[in-house]
Protein backbone atom coordinates (compact mmCIF):
# COMPACT_ATOMS: atom_id res chain seq x y z
CA MET A 1 0.00 0.00 0.00
CA ALA A 2 2.86 2.38 0.86
CA ARG A 3 4.63 1.64 -2.41
CA ARG A 4 1.49 2.29 -4.37
CA ARG A 5 1.07 5.62 -2.57
CA ASN A 6 4.73 6.58 -3.31
CA VAL A 7 4.25 5.80 -6.99
CA SER A 8 1.14 7.93 -7.04
CA MET A 9 2.98 10.83 -5.45
CA LYS A 10 5.83 10.51 -7.95
CA GLU A 11 3.42 10.52 -10.84
CA ARG A 12 1.73 13.58 -9.40
CA GLU A 13 5.06 15.37 -9.09
CA ARG A 14 5.94 14.42 -12.68
CA PHE A 15 2.56 15.72 -13.87
CA ASP A 16 3.05 18.97 -12.00
CA ARG A 17 6.39 19.46 -13.70
CA VAL A 18 4.94 18.73 -17.15
CA ALA A 19 1.67 20.75 -16.71
CA PRO A 20 2.12 23.56 -14.26
CA PRO A 21 -0.98 25.10 -12.64
CA GLN A 22 -2.98 27.53 -14.85
CA GLN A 23 -2.44 31.21 -14.36
CA PRO A 24 -5.47 33.48 -13.59
CA GLU A 25 -5.48 34.85 -17.18
CA GLN A 26 -5.68 31.33 -18.58
CA ARG A 27 -8.55 30.47 -16.25
CA ARG A 28 -10.49 33.55 -17.34
CA LEU A 29 -9.90 32.66 -21.01
CA SER A 30 -11.10 29.13 -20.39
CA VAL A 31 -14.25 30.38 -18.65
CA SER A 32 -14.91 32.85 -21.48
CA LEU A 33 -14.61 30.12 -24.10
CA THR A 34 -17.02 27.96 -22.12
CA VAL A 35 -19.54 30.81 -21.89
CA ILE A 36 -19.23 31.48 -25.62
CA CYS A 37 -19.83 27.82 -26.44
CA VAL A 38 -22.88 27.62 -24.16
CA THR A 39 -24.25 30.88 -25.60
CA ALA A 40 -23.78 29.61 -29.15
CA VAL A 41 -25.63 26.40 -28.31
CA LEU A 42 -28.50 28.37 -26.73
CA LEU A 43 -28.72 30.68 -29.75
CA LEU A 44 -28.79 27.68 -32.07
CA LEU A 45 -31.58 26.07 -30.03
CA THR A 46 -33.50 29.37 -30.03
CA ALA A 47 -33.15 29.63 -33.80
CA LEU A 48 -34.42 26.07 -34.21
CA VAL A 49 -37.44 26.79 -31.98
CA LEU A 50 -38.24 29.96 -33.94
CA PHE A 51 -37.93 28.08 -37.23
CA LEU A 52 -40.27 25.37 -35.95
CA PHE A 53 -42.76 28.00 -34.77
CA LEU A 54 -42.72 29.78 -38.13
CA PHE A 55 -43.12 26.48 -39.96
CA LEU A 56 -46.15 25.55 -37.86
CA PHE A 57 -47.60 29.05 -38.27
CA VAL A 58 -47.29 29.03 -42.06
CA ASN A 59 -48.53 25.46 -42.47
CA TYR A 60 -51.13 25.50 -39.69
CA HIS A 61 -54.12 25.09 -42.00
CA ASP A 62 -52.59 22.22 -44.00
CA LEU A 63 -51.45 20.42 -40.86
CA LEU A 64 -54.95 20.60 -39.40
CA LEU A 65 -56.41 19.16 -42.59
CA ASN A 66 -53.88 16.31 -42.53
CA LEU A 67 -54.64 15.57 -38.88
CA ASN A 68 -58.40 15.64 -39.46
CA PRO A 69 -59.55 12.06 -40.11
CA HIS A 70 -62.74 13.33 -41.77
CA HIS A 71 -60.91 15.47 -44.32
CA SER A 72 -60.56 14.17 -47.83
CA HIS A 73 -57.47 15.13 -49.80
CA ASN A 74 -59.78 15.28 -52.81
CA GLU A 75 -61.92 18.00 -51.25
CA LEU A 76 -62.38 20.91 -53.62
CA ASP A 77 -61.11 24.40 -52.95
CA LEU A 78 -63.92 26.89 -52.23
CA SER A 79 -62.05 29.95 -53.50
CA SER A 80 -62.88 31.59 -56.80
CA THR A 81 -61.97 29.68 -59.93
CA SER A 82 -58.44 30.39 -61.11
CA PRO A 83 -58.37 32.31 -64.41
CA THR A 84 -55.26 30.46 -65.60
CA GLY A 85 -57.00 28.60 -68.41
CA ASP A 86 -56.45 25.16 -66.85
CA LYS A 87 -58.92 22.76 -68.47
CA ASP A 88 -58.97 20.68 -65.29
CA ALA A 89 -59.64 23.65 -62.97
CA VAL A 90 -62.47 23.59 -60.46
CA VAL A 91 -65.32 25.79 -61.73
CA ASN A 92 -66.70 27.60 -58.69
CA LEU A 93 -70.26 28.69 -59.45
CA ASP A 94 -71.33 28.52 -55.81
CA HIS A 95 -70.58 32.16 -54.96
CA GLY A 96 -72.31 35.08 -56.62
CA ASP A 97 -68.90 36.63 -57.28
CA PRO A 98 -69.49 39.14 -60.13
CA THR A 99 -66.14 38.74 -61.92
CA MET A 100 -67.87 38.66 -65.31
CA PHE A 101 -67.73 42.46 -65.29
CA GLU A 102 -63.90 42.57 -65.21
CA PRO A 103 -63.44 43.00 -69.01
CA PHE A 104 -65.82 45.97 -69.06
CA TRP A 105 -63.99 47.77 -66.28
CA LYS A 106 -60.60 47.02 -67.81
CA GLU A 107 -61.78 48.67 -71.01
CA SER A 108 -63.03 51.71 -69.09
CA GLY A 109 -59.40 52.61 -68.33
CA GLN A 110 -58.81 55.95 -66.62
CA LYS A 111 -62.50 56.87 -66.65
CA SER A 112 -63.08 54.67 -63.60
CA THR A 113 -59.77 55.40 -61.87
CA VAL A 114 -59.85 57.26 -58.56
CA VAL A 115 -56.88 59.00 -56.92
CA ILE A 116 -57.36 59.93 -53.25
CA SER A 117 -54.89 62.31 -51.60
CA GLY A 118 -53.40 61.41 -48.24
CA TRP A 119 -55.17 64.28 -46.48
CA HIS A 120 -58.57 63.58 -48.02
CA SER A 121 -61.52 62.05 -46.08
CA MET A 122 -59.70 61.97 -42.74
CA SER A 123 -62.73 63.03 -40.69
CA TYR A 124 -65.46 60.69 -39.46
CA PHE A 125 -68.00 63.16 -40.82
CA SER A 126 -68.95 63.86 -44.41
CA ALA A 127 -68.47 67.23 -46.05
CA ALA A 128 -72.23 67.72 -46.28
CA GLY A 129 -72.52 68.98 -42.73
CA ALA A 130 -75.37 68.00 -40.42
CA GLN A 131 -77.73 65.50 -42.04
CA LEU A 132 -79.54 62.28 -41.19
CA CYS A 133 -76.81 59.96 -42.49
CA TRP A 134 -73.82 61.95 -41.23
CA PHE A 135 -71.20 59.63 -42.79
CA LEU A 136 -72.72 59.68 -46.31
CA GLU A 137 -70.49 61.16 -49.02
CA PRO A 138 -72.47 63.74 -51.06
CA SER A 139 -70.94 62.55 -54.34
CA PHE A 140 -72.11 59.00 -53.68
CA ALA A 141 -75.67 60.09 -52.82
CA LYS A 142 -75.76 62.22 -55.96
CA GLU A 143 -74.68 59.36 -58.24
CA VAL A 144 -77.10 56.92 -56.59
CA ARG A 145 -80.05 59.21 -57.33
CA ARG A 146 -78.77 59.91 -60.83
CA LEU A 147 -78.40 56.23 -61.73
CA HIS A 148 -81.87 55.32 -60.42
CA ALA A 149 -83.35 58.17 -62.46
CA ILE A 150 -81.61 56.98 -65.65
CA VAL A 151 -82.42 53.29 -65.19
CA GLY A 152 -85.91 53.89 -63.82
CA ASN A 153 -85.82 51.09 -61.26
CA ALA A 154 -86.57 53.00 -58.03
CA ILE A 155 -88.18 56.20 -56.83
CA THR A 156 -85.74 58.27 -54.76
CA ASP A 157 -87.82 61.40 -54.10
CA ASN A 158 -88.39 62.20 -50.42
CA ARG A 159 -86.27 59.24 -49.35
CA PRO A 160 -82.91 59.61 -47.61
CA VAL A 161 -80.03 57.52 -48.94
CA ILE A 162 -78.55 55.35 -46.16
CA VAL A 163 -75.12 53.95 -47.04
CA GLY A 164 -73.86 50.71 -45.49
CA VAL A 165 -71.00 48.21 -45.65
CA GLY A 166 -72.69 46.21 -48.38
CA SER A 167 -76.36 45.29 -48.23
CA THR A 168 -75.56 42.74 -45.49
CA GLN A 169 -74.97 45.47 -42.90
CA LEU A 170 -78.08 47.28 -44.15
CA ILE A 171 -80.15 44.12 -43.65
CA HIS A 172 -78.92 43.94 -40.06
CA ALA A 173 -79.66 47.64 -39.64
CA VAL A 174 -83.21 47.36 -40.95
CA PHE A 175 -83.91 44.29 -38.77
CA PHE A 176 -82.80 46.36 -35.79
CA ALA A 177 -84.86 49.38 -36.85
CA LEU A 178 -88.08 47.45 -37.46
CA SER A 179 -87.88 45.26 -34.36
CA SER A 180 -86.81 47.81 -31.73
CA SER A 181 -89.48 49.81 -29.92
CA SER A 182 -89.53 53.59 -29.86
CA SER A 183 -88.55 53.47 -26.18
CA GLY A 184 -85.50 51.35 -26.95
CA GLU A 185 -86.72 48.50 -24.75
CA PRO A 186 -86.60 44.97 -26.23
CA ASN A 187 -89.85 43.26 -27.21
CA GLN A 188 -91.32 40.54 -25.04
CA GLN A 189 -90.73 38.11 -27.91
CA PRO A 190 -88.22 38.37 -30.77
CA VAL A 191 -89.85 39.50 -34.02
CA PRO A 192 -89.98 36.63 -36.55
CA ILE A 193 -88.27 37.19 -39.91
CA VAL A 194 -89.49 35.25 -42.94
CA SER A 195 -88.98 35.02 -46.69
CA ALA A 196 -90.70 32.87 -49.30
CA ALA A 197 -88.70 29.78 -50.31
CA PRO A 198 -86.49 29.45 -52.17
CA TYR A 199 -84.89 32.38 -50.37
CA TYR A 200 -81.38 33.85 -50.30
CA SER A 201 -79.24 31.40 -48.35
CA MET A 202 -77.68 34.13 -46.18
CA TYR A 203 -80.96 35.41 -44.71
CA PRO A 204 -81.19 32.79 -41.90
CA GLY A 205 -77.56 33.34 -40.88
CA ILE A 206 -77.89 37.12 -40.90
CA ALA A 207 -81.00 36.93 -38.73
CA ASP A 208 -79.64 34.47 -36.18
CA LEU A 209 -75.91 35.24 -36.10
CA LEU A 210 -76.01 37.45 -32.99
CA LYS A 211 -78.81 35.53 -31.21
CA SER A 212 -80.61 38.84 -30.77
CA ARG A 213 -83.54 39.29 -28.41
CA LEU A 214 -85.07 41.64 -30.98
CA PHE A 215 -85.58 39.26 -33.93
CA HIS A 216 -85.06 35.69 -35.12
CA TRP A 217 -85.33 33.66 -38.32
CA ALA A 218 -88.73 31.97 -38.73
CA GLY A 219 -88.33 30.33 -42.14
CA ASP A 220 -90.55 30.16 -45.20
CA ALA A 221 -93.09 32.98 -45.47
CA SER A 222 -95.46 30.66 -47.36
CA THR A 223 -95.87 28.39 -44.34
CA PHE A 224 -95.56 31.04 -41.62
CA LYS A 225 -98.50 31.23 -39.22
CA GLU A 226 -99.26 34.77 -38.13
CA GLY A 227 -99.95 35.07 -34.43
CA GLY A 228 -102.85 37.52 -34.29
CA ASN A 229 -101.52 41.02 -33.83
CA SER A 230 -97.93 39.86 -33.45
CA SER A 231 -95.54 41.72 -35.71
CA PHE A 232 -93.23 40.08 -38.24
CA ILE A 233 -90.77 41.09 -40.95
CA GLU A 234 -90.95 39.66 -44.47
CA ILE A 235 -87.96 39.99 -46.80
CA VAL A 236 -88.97 40.18 -50.44
CA CYS A 237 -86.06 39.55 -52.81
CA SER A 238 -86.95 40.52 -56.38
CA PRO A 239 -85.65 39.36 -58.77
CA ASN A 240 -85.25 36.49 -56.38
CA ASN A 241 -81.97 34.88 -55.44
CA PRO A 242 -81.69 31.98 -56.34
CA ASP A 243 -84.35 31.46 -59.05
CA GLY A 244 -84.65 34.95 -60.57
CA ALA A 245 -88.43 35.10 -60.09
CA ILE A 246 -90.17 38.46 -59.71
CA ARG A 247 -91.55 38.49 -56.18
CA ARG A 248 -94.20 40.29 -54.18
CA ALA A 249 -94.92 39.99 -50.48
CA VAL A 250 -96.60 36.68 -49.59
CA LEU A 251 -98.10 37.84 -46.29
CA ASP A 252 -100.72 40.59 -46.22
CA SER A 253 -101.15 41.89 -42.70
CA GLU A 254 -100.98 45.28 -41.03
CA ALA A 255 -98.81 43.70 -38.35
CA GLY A 256 -96.17 42.78 -40.90
CA LYS A 257 -93.42 44.95 -42.33
CA GLN A 258 -91.77 44.34 -45.67
CA VAL A 259 -88.14 44.82 -46.65
CA HIS A 260 -87.51 44.74 -50.40
CA ASP A 261 -84.07 43.42 -51.34
CA LEU A 262 -83.67 44.74 -54.89
CA ALA A 263 -80.00 43.84 -55.36
CA TYR A 264 -80.74 42.30 -58.78
CA TYR A 265 -83.34 44.78 -59.99
CA TRP A 266 -81.07 46.12 -62.70
CA PRO A 267 -81.45 45.82 -66.49
CA GLN A 268 -78.44 43.49 -66.82
CA TYR A 269 -80.40 40.87 -64.85
CA THR A 270 -84.08 41.46 -65.64
CA PRO A 271 -86.36 43.68 -67.76
CA MET A 272 -87.37 46.88 -65.97
CA ARG A 273 -91.02 46.92 -64.89
CA GLY A 274 -91.09 50.51 -63.77
CA PRO A 275 -89.62 52.24 -60.72
CA ALA A 276 -90.04 50.40 -57.42
CA ASP A 277 -91.92 52.41 -54.81
CA GLU A 278 -91.53 50.44 -51.57
CA ASP A 279 -91.11 51.63 -47.99
CA ILE A 280 -87.64 50.08 -47.63
CA MET A 281 -85.52 49.23 -50.68
CA LEU A 282 -82.00 47.78 -50.52
CA PHE A 283 -79.35 47.90 -53.26
CA THR A 284 -75.66 47.02 -53.49
CA VAL A 285 -72.73 48.08 -55.65
CA SER A 286 -71.55 44.47 -55.85
CA LYS A 287 -74.48 43.50 -58.07
CA ALA A 288 -75.14 46.87 -59.71
CA THR A 289 -71.59 47.23 -61.09
CA GLY A 290 -69.71 44.08 -60.01
CA HIS A 291 -67.55 45.77 -57.36
CA ALA A 292 -68.18 43.27 -54.57
CA GLY A 293 -64.85 44.01 -52.88
CA THR A 294 -65.70 47.69 -52.41
CA ARG A 295 -68.34 46.67 -49.83
CA ILE A 296 -70.88 49.43 -50.42
CA GLY A 297 -74.66 49.20 -50.38
CA TRP A 298 -77.46 51.68 -49.91
CA ALA A 299 -81.04 51.83 -48.72
CA LEU A 300 -83.91 54.09 -49.78
CA VAL A 301 -86.24 54.50 -46.80
CA LYS A 302 -89.57 56.35 -46.62
CA ASP A 303 -90.01 56.47 -42.85
CA ALA A 304 -87.61 58.97 -41.25
CA ASP A 305 -87.77 57.20 -37.86
CA VAL A 306 -86.77 53.87 -39.43
CA ALA A 307 -83.97 55.65 -41.30
CA ARG A 308 -82.67 57.23 -38.07
CA LYS A 309 -82.60 53.84 -36.33
CA MET A 310 -80.72 52.32 -39.24
CA VAL A 311 -78.15 55.11 -39.10
CA LYS A 312 -77.81 54.57 -35.34
CA PHE A 313 -77.16 50.86 -35.86
CA ILE A 314 -74.43 51.55 -38.44
CA GLU A 315 -72.95 54.21 -36.16
CA MET A 316 -72.67 51.74 -33.28
CA ASN A 317 -71.66 48.82 -35.50
CA SER A 318 -68.88 50.39 -37.59
CA ILE A 319 -68.89 54.14 -36.78
CA GLY A 320 -69.91 54.97 -40.31
CA VAL A 321 -68.82 53.65 -43.69
CA SER A 322 -65.48 53.99 -45.48
CA LYS A 323 -65.21 57.34 -47.27
CA ASP A 324 -62.67 55.91 -49.70
CA SER A 325 -65.09 53.15 -50.72
CA GLN A 326 -67.90 55.66 -51.17
CA ILE A 327 -65.73 57.91 -53.34
CA ARG A 328 -64.72 54.96 -55.51
CA ALA A 329 -68.33 53.76 -55.75
CA ALA A 330 -69.44 57.27 -56.75
CA ARG A 331 -66.96 57.29 -59.64
CA ILE A 332 -68.03 53.80 -60.72
CA LEU A 333 -71.72 54.75 -60.73
CA GLN A 334 -70.85 57.91 -62.65
CA VAL A 335 -69.14 55.86 -65.39
CA VAL A 336 -72.20 53.59 -65.61
CA SER A 337 -74.57 56.53 -65.90
CA ASP A 338 -72.40 58.24 -68.51
CA GLY A 339 -72.39 55.14 -70.73
CA TYR A 340 -75.77 53.62 -69.93
CA ASP A 341 -76.89 50.70 -72.14
CA LEU A 342 -79.33 47.79 -71.84
CA PRO A 343 -77.73 44.31 -71.92
CA ASP A 344 -79.92 41.23 -71.40
CA SER A 345 -78.88 38.47 -68.97
CA LYS A 346 -79.61 36.95 -65.56
CA ALA A 347 -77.49 36.59 -62.44
CA PHE A 348 -78.25 32.97 -61.51
CA ALA A 349 -79.56 29.74 -63.01
CA TRP A 350 -81.89 27.60 -60.88
CA LEU A 351 -81.50 23.99 -62.03
CA ARG A 352 -83.18 20.73 -61.06
CA CYS A 353 -81.70 17.23 -61.27
CA ASP A 354 -84.43 14.79 -62.41
CA ASP A 355 -82.42 11.58 -62.61
CA GLU A 356 -83.26 9.28 -59.67
CA SER A 357 -79.59 8.45 -59.12
CA ILE A 358 -78.59 12.07 -58.45
CA LYS A 359 -81.74 13.97 -57.43
CA ASP A 360 -81.00 13.47 -53.71
CA ASP A 361 -77.69 15.30 -54.11
CA CYS A 362 -77.69 17.53 -57.18
CA GLU A 363 -74.87 19.59 -55.65
CA GLY A 364 -72.74 16.44 -55.32
CA PHE A 365 -73.42 15.56 -58.96
CA PHE A 366 -71.93 18.86 -60.11
CA LYS A 367 -69.11 18.60 -57.59
CA SER A 368 -68.08 15.27 -59.14
CA MET A 369 -67.44 17.26 -62.34
CA LYS A 370 -65.42 19.86 -60.40
CA VAL A 371 -68.22 22.39 -60.61
CA LEU A 372 -69.16 24.04 -57.33
CA THR A 373 -72.80 25.06 -56.94
CA ARG A 374 -75.07 25.83 -53.99
CA SER A 375 -77.65 23.24 -52.95
CA GLY A 376 -81.34 24.11 -52.95
CA LYS A 377 -81.58 23.12 -49.28
CA HIS A 378 -79.79 26.36 -48.38
CA PHE A 379 -82.64 28.28 -50.00
CA GLY A 380 -85.51 26.45 -48.34
CA ALA A 381 -85.93 24.08 -51.32
CA GLY A 382 -84.95 20.44 -51.84
CA PRO A 383 -81.54 18.84 -52.59
CA GLU A 384 -82.63 18.17 -56.18
CA TYR A 385 -82.13 21.88 -56.91
CA VAL A 386 -78.94 23.90 -57.24
CA ARG A 387 -78.23 27.56 -57.78
CA ILE A 388 -75.55 28.31 -60.36
CA SER A 389 -73.90 31.71 -60.50
CA MET A 390 -73.87 33.29 -63.95
CA LEU A 391 -71.52 36.05 -62.81
CA ASP A 392 -68.15 34.35 -63.31
CA ARG A 393 -65.53 34.94 -66.01
CA ALA A 394 -66.39 33.84 -69.57
CA HIS A 395 -63.61 31.21 -69.63
CA ASN A 396 -64.88 29.52 -66.46
CA PHE A 397 -68.46 29.54 -67.71
CA ASN A 398 -67.32 27.93 -70.98
CA LEU A 399 -65.63 25.17 -68.95
CA PHE A 400 -68.91 24.65 -67.09
CA VAL A 401 -70.88 24.36 -70.35
CA GLU A 402 -68.37 21.85 -71.76
CA ARG A 403 -68.63 19.63 -68.68
CA ILE A 404 -72.41 19.48 -68.49
CA SER A 405 -73.09 19.33 -72.24
CA SER A 406 -72.80 15.54 -72.27
CA SER A 407 -74.31 14.96 -68.81
CA ARG A 408 -77.83 13.78 -68.15
CA GLY A 409 -80.20 14.16 -65.24
CA LEU A 410 -81.00 17.87 -65.43
CA GLY A 411 -84.56 19.13 -65.72
């Protein structure tokens, strides 16, 4: 044991002679190198974590679809049809996206171009001063009245123009105005809202989205049972979406109030039958000129109290309506009025599948041909019907015609 200890001590002495103890400067350098290495490793790990986070963020939607056992990789994209000219492209005729007007507006060139200075339209308020609709641009109101006068589809005299973020916001506003009491207190029961089937597929969702205590969707006006003196609201869409029929109110009762959605009452969709003279009439730039992305609609309202309530709703909902959008819409309407003509076409086709093998899912039949439509069940009709948008680009519509030309089962 002693010998082994002596050997160990000798080896230690030899080691000390070969490798003398580190000086303080060397120790500090060694510590610094260690810190640098650890820091580099931490930075590398941080970079990897950030890369993983960005990857998950960018591919979140696709990852969810891959993880969803009910998702089919063959499911069709619901976006607008690509205008690339691909013969195998999905033809999306489900949406009423008015892209068919693109060639016309491209040809209009600088006539429809609007340049807005950085200082322009900065205020919440319009330049017209105090008025009922305080956020309404005077130029837009002027062109609305001018276009109606030229086309002859609506009477605008003694009716304020109420501008909204598309007709969807105006529908919400008019539901609020017609269902709220003068005192502002909610009704004991929500006011039922009805429309004759087939009706616009968005009406039920608009009515029930906020689960309001003021109103609720009550379905088909043709089967609606009036409850004595109970009030109700009937939406009359004419020409009707989806079938293009000219509509009048189904229910005739003093307790009921009618809202006329005249989005398609323009000569490019239907012959003019004289100026409409209803208490509440709704229109939208998206269908009048094809500028759906501008998100501008307007209402012509006889009753000043109803108009004030609608303005109040829009004020609380969005604090007015974009001035830039109104200015652009005014220029667009001006171009239309300056070059007014009378084309002849309709906005939608309402088709029925008669073949027994497909009548229970007419929408699926078209989807198998990569043509997206909207099922009749969304409009209060049966699954044997589909609505087909006629507002898409000419190339996409030609693809649609090619694909159904040899198909059978349509009535």
